[in-house]
């Protein structure tokens, strides 16, 4: 399986570690990472994910980000709109897009605690969805 990873640079101290975990998990699962794309924030992911899903050498996209709560509800707006857009892209192209984005409503300490489980699950989920799609499309 050929995958791409889109990573948010916002909260890079968390997301850079998520990327290392995702790369490690992809290697264990024998996945080929054809693209690693960095975007300013989670909100900026959909346009890059859209471009990647159009490529023949991409079977699925892993997204990695950390949306940490600030003093307003801005984190909720970002999380909801990003999740919605990524879901629409996944169904549009019939390719898996994982939601390896933590938040909203999360404090920084929670983001650090979720690095490994969220990054691993993001990689595992695209494999499971890809395999299931292959099975039902036969």
N, C-alpha and C. Protein backbone atom coordinates (compact mmCIF):
# COMPACT_ATOMS: atom_id res chain seq x y z
N UNK A 1 0.84 -1.18 0.00
CA UNK A 1 0.00 0.00 0.00
C UNK A 1 0.88 1.24 0.00
N UNK A 2 0.54 2.20 -0.84
CA UNK A 2 1.26 3.47 -0.94
C UNK A 2 0.46 4.54 -0.22
N UNK A 3 1.12 5.25 0.68
CA UNK A 3 0.42 6.27 1.46
C UNK A 3 1.12 7.62 1.37
N UNK A 4 0.41 8.61 1.84
CA UNK A 4 0.96 9.95 2.02
C UNK A 4 0.65 10.38 3.44
N UNK A 5 1.45 11.26 3.96
CA UNK A 5 1.23 11.82 5.28
C UNK A 5 1.19 13.33 5.15
N UNK A 6 0.16 13.94 5.73
CA UNK A 6 0.06 15.39 5.77
C UNK A 6 0.13 15.79 7.24
N UNK A 7 1.10 16.64 7.55
CA UNK A 7 1.37 17.00 8.93
C UNK A 7 1.26 18.50 9.13
N UNK A 8 0.62 18.89 10.20
CA UNK A 8 0.49 20.30 10.57
C UNK A 8 1.76 20.78 11.26
N UNK A 9 2.23 21.95 10.86
CA UNK A 9 3.40 22.54 11.52
C UNK A 9 3.02 23.26 12.81
N UNK A 10 1.74 23.60 12.94
CA UNK A 10 1.28 24.25 14.17
C UNK A 10 1.40 23.24 15.31
N UNK A 11 1.92 23.65 16.44
CA UNK A 11 2.22 22.75 17.57
C UNK A 11 3.24 21.69 17.14
N UNK A 12 4.26 22.14 16.42
CA UNK A 12 5.25 21.26 15.82
C UNK A 12 5.99 20.38 16.84
N UNK A 13 6.12 20.84 18.07
CA UNK A 13 6.79 20.02 19.08
C UNK A 13 6.01 18.72 19.33
N UNK A 14 4.72 18.75 19.11
CA UNK A 14 3.88 17.56 19.22
C UNK A 14 3.82 16.82 17.89
N UNK A 15 3.52 17.55 16.82
CA UNK A 15 3.29 16.90 15.52
C UNK A 15 4.56 16.26 14.94
N UNK A 16 5.70 16.83 15.21
CA UNK A 16 6.94 16.22 14.71
C UNK A 16 7.15 14.85 15.34
N UNK A 17 6.77 14.71 16.58
CA UNK A 17 6.86 13.40 17.25
C UNK A 17 5.81 12.44 16.70
N UNK A 18 4.64 12.99 16.38
CA UNK A 18 3.59 12.15 15.77
C UNK A 18 4.09 11.58 14.44
N UNK A 19 4.79 12.40 13.68
CA UNK A 19 5.32 11.95 12.39
C UNK A 19 6.30 10.80 12.58
N UNK A 20 7.18 10.90 13.55
CA UNK A 20 8.15 9.82 13.80
C UNK A 20 7.43 8.51 14.13
N UNK A 21 6.40 8.59 14.94
CA UNK A 21 5.62 7.41 15.32
C UNK A 21 4.90 6.84 14.10
N UNK A 22 4.31 7.72 13.29
CA UNK A 22 3.59 7.27 12.08
C UNK A 22 4.55 6.59 11.10
N UNK A 23 5.72 7.16 10.92
CA UNK A 23 6.72 6.55 10.02
C UNK A 23 7.15 5.17 10.53
N UNK A 24 7.34 5.07 11.83
CA UNK A 24 7.72 3.81 12.45
C UNK A 24 6.61 2.75 12.23
N UNK A 25 5.36 3.15 12.44
CA UNK A 25 4.23 2.23 12.27
C UNK A 25 4.09 1.82 10.80
N UNK A 26 4.26 2.75 9.90
CA UNK A 26 4.19 2.45 8.46
C UNK A 26 5.25 1.43 8.07
N UNK A 27 6.42 1.57 8.63
CA UNK A 27 7.51 0.63 8.33
C UNK A 27 7.16 -0.76 8.84
N UNK A 28 6.62 -0.85 10.04
CA UNK A 28 6.22 -2.14 10.62
C UNK A 28 5.15 -2.80 9.75
N UNK A 29 4.22 -1.99 9.23
CA UNK A 29 3.13 -2.51 8.40
C UNK A 29 3.52 -2.67 6.93
N UNK A 30 4.78 -2.37 6.63
CA UNK A 30 5.32 -2.49 5.26
C UNK A 30 4.59 -1.59 4.26
N UNK A 31 4.30 -0.38 4.68
CA UNK A 31 3.67 0.61 3.81
C UNK A 31 4.75 1.49 3.19
N UNK A 32 4.51 1.94 1.98
CA UNK A 32 5.46 2.84 1.32
C UNK A 32 4.90 4.26 1.45
N UNK A 33 5.68 5.13 2.06
CA UNK A 33 5.29 6.53 2.19
C UNK A 33 5.85 7.27 0.97
N UNK A 34 4.96 7.62 0.05
CA UNK A 34 5.40 8.31 -1.17
C UNK A 34 5.51 9.81 -0.99
N UNK A 35 4.74 10.37 -0.05
CA UNK A 35 4.75 11.82 0.15
C UNK A 35 4.61 12.13 1.64
N UNK A 36 5.39 13.10 2.08
CA UNK A 36 5.18 13.72 3.39
C UNK A 36 5.05 15.21 3.11
N UNK A 37 3.88 15.75 3.40
CA UNK A 37 3.59 17.15 3.11
C UNK A 37 3.34 17.90 4.41
N UNK A 38 3.95 19.06 4.53
CA UNK A 38 3.77 19.90 5.70
C UNK A 38 2.89 21.08 5.34
N UNK A 39 1.94 21.36 6.23
CA UNK A 39 1.05 22.50 6.04
C UNK A 39 1.10 23.35 7.31
N UNK A 40 0.74 24.64 7.20
CA UNK A 40 0.82 25.50 8.39
C UNK A 40 -0.02 25.00 9.57
N UNK A 41 -1.26 24.57 9.31
CA UNK A 41 -2.13 24.11 10.39
C UNK A 41 -3.11 23.08 9.88
N UNK A 42 -3.86 22.49 10.79
CA UNK A 42 -4.83 21.45 10.43
C UNK A 42 -5.85 21.97 9.42
N UNK A 43 -6.26 23.21 9.57
CA UNK A 43 -7.25 23.81 8.67
C UNK A 43 -6.77 23.82 7.22
N UNK A 44 -5.47 23.82 7.03
CA UNK A 44 -4.87 23.90 5.70
C UNK A 44 -4.70 22.53 5.03
N UNK A 45 -5.04 21.48 5.70
CA UNK A 45 -4.83 20.13 5.17
C UNK A 45 -5.69 19.75 3.97
N UNK A 46 -6.97 20.08 3.94
CA UNK A 46 -7.83 19.55 2.88
C UNK A 46 -7.35 19.79 1.45
N UNK A 47 -6.82 20.94 1.13
CA UNK A 47 -6.39 21.19 -0.25
C UNK A 47 -5.23 20.28 -0.65
N UNK A 48 -4.33 20.01 0.28
CA UNK A 48 -3.20 19.13 0.01
C UNK A 48 -3.68 17.68 -0.05
N UNK A 49 -4.57 17.31 0.84
CA UNK A 49 -5.13 15.95 0.83
C UNK A 49 -5.86 15.72 -0.49
N UNK A 50 -6.61 16.71 -0.96
CA UNK A 50 -7.32 16.60 -2.23
C UNK A 50 -6.33 16.31 -3.36
N UNK A 51 -5.26 17.06 -3.42
CA UNK A 51 -4.25 16.87 -4.48
C UNK A 51 -3.61 15.48 -4.38
N UNK A 52 -3.35 15.02 -3.18
CA UNK A 52 -2.72 13.71 -2.99
C UNK A 52 -3.66 12.57 -3.39
N UNK A 53 -4.93 12.70 -3.06
CA UNK A 53 -5.90 11.65 -3.37
C UNK A 53 -6.10 11.48 -4.88
N UNK A 54 -5.76 12.49 -5.64
CA UNK A 54 -5.87 12.41 -7.10
C UNK A 54 -4.71 11.64 -7.73
N UNK A 55 -3.67 11.41 -6.95
CA UNK A 55 -2.48 10.72 -7.48
C UNK A 55 -2.68 9.22 -7.51
N UNK A 56 -2.20 8.61 -8.58
CA UNK A 56 -2.30 7.15 -8.74
C UNK A 56 -1.44 6.39 -7.72
N UNK A 57 -0.36 7.02 -7.27
CA UNK A 57 0.54 6.34 -6.34
C UNK A 57 0.23 6.63 -4.88
N UNK A 58 -1.02 7.02 -4.60
CA UNK A 58 -1.48 7.24 -3.22
C UNK A 58 -2.77 6.45 -3.01
N UNK A 59 -2.71 5.48 -2.10
CA UNK A 59 -3.88 4.67 -1.78
C UNK A 59 -4.63 5.20 -0.57
N UNK A 60 -4.00 6.04 0.22
CA UNK A 60 -4.62 6.61 1.41
C UNK A 60 -3.74 7.69 2.00
N UNK A 61 -4.36 8.55 2.81
CA UNK A 61 -3.63 9.67 3.41
C UNK A 61 -3.82 9.67 4.93
N UNK A 62 -2.70 9.80 5.62
CA UNK A 62 -2.69 9.94 7.08
C UNK A 62 -2.55 11.43 7.38
N UNK A 63 -3.42 11.96 8.23
CA UNK A 63 -3.27 13.34 8.66
C UNK A 63 -2.81 13.36 10.11
N UNK A 64 -1.91 14.27 10.43
CA UNK A 64 -1.37 14.39 11.78
C UNK A 64 -1.41 15.84 12.21
N UNK A 65 -2.02 16.09 13.35
CA UNK A 65 -2.09 17.45 13.87
C UNK A 65 -2.49 17.45 15.32
N UNK A 66 -2.32 18.60 15.96
CA UNK A 66 -2.69 18.78 17.36
C UNK A 66 -3.36 20.14 17.50
N UNK A 67 -4.64 20.11 17.80
CA UNK A 67 -5.40 21.36 17.97
C UNK A 67 -5.59 21.57 19.47
N UNK A 68 -4.80 22.47 20.02
CA UNK A 68 -4.78 22.73 21.46
C UNK A 68 -5.69 23.93 21.77
N UNK A 69 -6.46 23.79 22.84
CA UNK A 69 -7.42 24.82 23.22
C UNK A 69 -6.71 26.10 23.62
N UNK A 70 -7.25 27.20 23.10
CA UNK A 70 -6.76 28.52 23.49
C UNK A 70 -7.79 29.18 24.38
N UNK A 71 -7.88 30.51 24.29
CA UNK A 71 -8.80 31.25 25.14
C UNK A 71 -10.17 31.43 24.51
N UNK A 72 -10.33 31.00 23.26
CA UNK A 72 -11.61 31.11 22.58
C UNK A 72 -12.04 29.72 22.09
N UNK A 73 -13.10 29.68 21.33
CA UNK A 73 -13.56 28.40 20.76
C UNK A 73 -13.02 28.18 19.35
N UNK A 74 -11.98 28.89 19.00
CA UNK A 74 -11.36 28.76 17.68
C UNK A 74 -10.94 27.32 17.39
N UNK A 75 -10.47 26.62 18.42
CA UNK A 75 -10.04 25.23 18.25
C UNK A 75 -11.20 24.35 17.78
N UNK A 76 -12.39 24.63 18.25
CA UNK A 76 -13.56 23.84 17.84
C UNK A 76 -13.91 24.09 16.38
N UNK A 77 -13.83 25.34 15.95
CA UNK A 77 -14.11 25.68 14.56
C UNK A 77 -13.12 24.96 13.64
N UNK A 78 -11.85 25.02 13.98
CA UNK A 78 -10.80 24.37 13.17
C UNK A 78 -11.02 22.86 13.12
N UNK A 79 -11.24 22.25 14.25
CA UNK A 79 -11.39 20.79 14.30
C UNK A 79 -12.60 20.31 13.52
N UNK A 80 -13.73 20.95 13.72
CA UNK A 80 -14.95 20.52 13.05
C UNK A 80 -14.88 20.71 11.54
N UNK A 81 -14.41 21.88 11.12
CA UNK A 81 -14.36 22.13 9.67
C UNK A 81 -13.34 21.23 8.99
N UNK A 82 -12.23 20.96 9.64
CA UNK A 82 -11.21 20.09 9.06
C UNK A 82 -11.70 18.65 8.96
N UNK A 83 -12.29 18.15 10.03
CA UNK A 83 -12.81 16.78 10.02
C UNK A 83 -13.87 16.61 8.93
N UNK A 84 -14.75 17.59 8.80
CA UNK A 84 -15.80 17.53 7.79
C UNK A 84 -15.20 17.50 6.38
N UNK A 85 -14.26 18.39 6.12
CA UNK A 85 -13.64 18.46 4.79
C UNK A 85 -12.89 17.17 4.46
N UNK A 86 -12.18 16.61 5.42
CA UNK A 86 -11.42 15.39 5.17
C UNK A 86 -12.35 14.20 4.92
N UNK A 87 -13.47 14.15 5.62
CA UNK A 87 -14.45 13.10 5.40
C UNK A 87 -15.03 13.20 3.99
N UNK A 88 -15.35 14.40 3.57
CA UNK A 88 -15.89 14.60 2.22
C UNK A 88 -14.88 14.15 1.16
N UNK A 89 -13.61 14.44 1.36
CA UNK A 89 -12.59 14.04 0.39
C UNK A 89 -12.43 12.53 0.33
N UNK A 90 -12.47 11.90 1.47
CA UNK A 90 -12.34 10.45 1.52
C UNK A 90 -13.47 9.77 0.74
N UNK A 91 -14.67 10.26 0.93
CA UNK A 91 -15.80 9.65 0.21
C UNK A 91 -15.80 10.04 -1.27
N UNK A 92 -15.35 11.24 -1.58
CA UNK A 92 -15.29 11.68 -2.98
C UNK A 92 -14.36 10.79 -3.80
N UNK A 93 -13.18 10.48 -3.26
CA UNK A 93 -12.19 9.71 -4.00
C UNK A 93 -12.21 8.22 -3.68
N UNK A 94 -13.04 7.82 -2.70
CA UNK A 94 -13.11 6.42 -2.29
C UNK A 94 -11.73 5.88 -1.89
N UNK A 95 -11.01 6.72 -1.15
CA UNK A 95 -9.72 6.35 -0.59
C UNK A 95 -9.73 6.77 0.88
N UNK A 96 -9.10 6.00 1.75
CA UNK A 96 -9.12 6.35 3.17
C UNK A 96 -8.27 7.57 3.51
N UNK A 97 -8.83 8.39 4.38
CA UNK A 97 -8.12 9.53 4.97
C UNK A 97 -8.32 9.41 6.47
N UNK A 98 -7.24 9.24 7.20
CA UNK A 98 -7.39 9.08 8.65
C UNK A 98 -7.39 10.44 9.33
N UNK A 99 -7.99 10.46 10.50
CA UNK A 99 -8.05 11.68 11.29
C UNK A 99 -7.10 11.54 12.48
N UNK A 100 -5.83 11.75 12.21
CA UNK A 100 -4.82 11.70 13.25
C UNK A 100 -4.58 13.08 13.83
N UNK A 101 -5.68 13.77 14.09
CA UNK A 101 -5.62 15.14 14.62
C UNK A 101 -6.27 15.13 15.99
N UNK A 102 -5.50 15.49 16.99
CA UNK A 102 -6.05 15.52 18.34
C UNK A 102 -6.70 16.87 18.62
N UNK A 103 -7.66 16.88 19.53
CA UNK A 103 -8.38 18.09 19.86
C UNK A 103 -9.79 17.98 19.33
N UNK A 104 -10.62 18.95 19.49
CA UNK A 104 -10.44 20.22 20.19
C UNK A 104 -10.64 20.06 21.70
N UNK A 105 -10.53 21.16 22.39
CA UNK A 105 -10.73 21.17 23.83
C UNK A 105 -9.60 20.53 24.60
N UNK A 106 -8.47 20.37 23.97
CA UNK A 106 -7.35 19.65 24.56
C UNK A 106 -6.29 20.63 25.07
N UNK A 107 -5.77 20.32 26.23
CA UNK A 107 -4.66 21.11 26.76
C UNK A 107 -3.34 20.50 26.27
N UNK A 108 -2.29 21.27 26.36
CA UNK A 108 -1.00 20.84 25.83
C UNK A 108 -0.53 19.51 26.41
N UNK A 109 -0.72 19.30 27.70
CA UNK A 109 -0.28 18.05 28.32
C UNK A 109 -1.02 16.85 27.75
N UNK A 110 -2.28 17.05 27.38
CA UNK A 110 -3.06 15.97 26.77
C UNK A 110 -2.53 15.65 25.36
N UNK A 111 -2.09 16.68 24.66
CA UNK A 111 -1.55 16.47 23.32
C UNK A 111 -0.31 15.58 23.37
N UNK A 112 0.55 15.81 24.34
CA UNK A 112 1.75 14.99 24.48
C UNK A 112 1.40 13.54 24.82
N UNK A 113 0.40 13.37 25.66
CA UNK A 113 -0.01 12.02 26.07
C UNK A 113 -0.62 11.23 24.92
N UNK A 114 -1.13 11.91 23.91
CA UNK A 114 -1.82 11.24 22.81
C UNK A 114 -0.94 11.02 21.56
N UNK A 115 0.30 11.44 21.61
CA UNK A 115 1.16 11.35 20.43
C UNK A 115 1.19 9.93 19.85
N UNK A 116 1.64 8.97 20.63
CA UNK A 116 1.80 7.60 20.12
C UNK A 116 0.47 6.95 19.75
N UNK A 117 -0.51 6.92 20.64
CA UNK A 117 -1.74 6.19 20.27
C UNK A 117 -2.46 6.78 19.06
N UNK A 118 -2.49 8.08 18.94
CA UNK A 118 -3.20 8.70 17.82
C UNK A 118 -2.45 8.50 16.51
N UNK A 119 -1.15 8.67 16.52
CA UNK A 119 -0.36 8.49 15.30
C UNK A 119 -0.41 7.05 14.82
N UNK A 120 -0.29 6.11 15.73
CA UNK A 120 -0.35 4.70 15.35
C UNK A 120 -1.72 4.34 14.78
N UNK A 121 -2.77 4.80 15.44
CA UNK A 121 -4.13 4.51 15.00
C UNK A 121 -4.42 5.14 13.64
N UNK A 122 -3.86 6.30 13.40
CA UNK A 122 -4.07 6.98 12.11
C UNK A 122 -3.52 6.15 10.96
N UNK A 123 -2.37 5.52 11.17
CA UNK A 123 -1.78 4.67 10.14
C UNK A 123 -2.56 3.36 10.03
N UNK A 124 -2.84 2.75 11.16
CA UNK A 124 -3.57 1.47 11.15
C UNK A 124 -4.94 1.61 10.49
N UNK A 125 -5.62 2.72 10.73
CA UNK A 125 -6.98 2.86 10.23
C UNK A 125 -7.03 2.95 8.71
N UNK A 126 -6.05 3.60 8.08
CA UNK A 126 -6.12 3.65 6.61
C UNK A 126 -5.88 2.28 6.00
N UNK A 127 -5.07 1.46 6.65
CA UNK A 127 -4.84 0.10 6.15
C UNK A 127 -6.13 -0.71 6.26
N UNK A 128 -6.78 -0.63 7.41
CA UNK A 128 -8.03 -1.37 7.61
C UNK A 128 -9.11 -0.93 6.63
N UNK A 129 -9.25 0.36 6.44
CA UNK A 129 -10.28 0.87 5.52
C UNK A 129 -9.93 0.49 4.08
N UNK A 130 -8.67 0.62 3.71
CA UNK A 130 -8.24 0.25 2.36
C UNK A 130 -8.56 -1.22 2.08
N UNK A 131 -8.20 -2.08 3.03
CA UNK A 131 -8.45 -3.51 2.85
C UNK A 131 -9.94 -3.81 2.76
N UNK A 132 -10.74 -3.16 3.55
CA UNK A 132 -12.18 -3.38 3.51
C UNK A 132 -12.77 -2.88 2.18
N UNK A 133 -12.30 -1.74 1.71
CA UNK A 133 -12.76 -1.25 0.42
C UNK A 133 -12.39 -2.24 -0.70
N UNK A 134 -11.19 -2.76 -0.65
CA UNK A 134 -10.75 -3.74 -1.64
C UNK A 134 -11.67 -4.97 -1.62
N UNK A 135 -12.02 -5.40 -0.42
CA UNK A 135 -12.85 -6.59 -0.26
C UNK A 135 -14.25 -6.39 -0.83
N UNK A 136 -14.85 -5.26 -0.56
CA UNK A 136 -16.24 -5.06 -1.00
C UNK A 136 -16.35 -4.61 -2.45
N UNK A 137 -15.25 -4.13 -3.02
CA UNK A 137 -15.28 -3.68 -4.41
C UNK A 137 -14.97 -4.80 -5.40
N UNK A 138 -14.68 -5.98 -4.90
CA UNK A 138 -14.38 -7.12 -5.78
C UNK A 138 -15.63 -7.65 -6.43
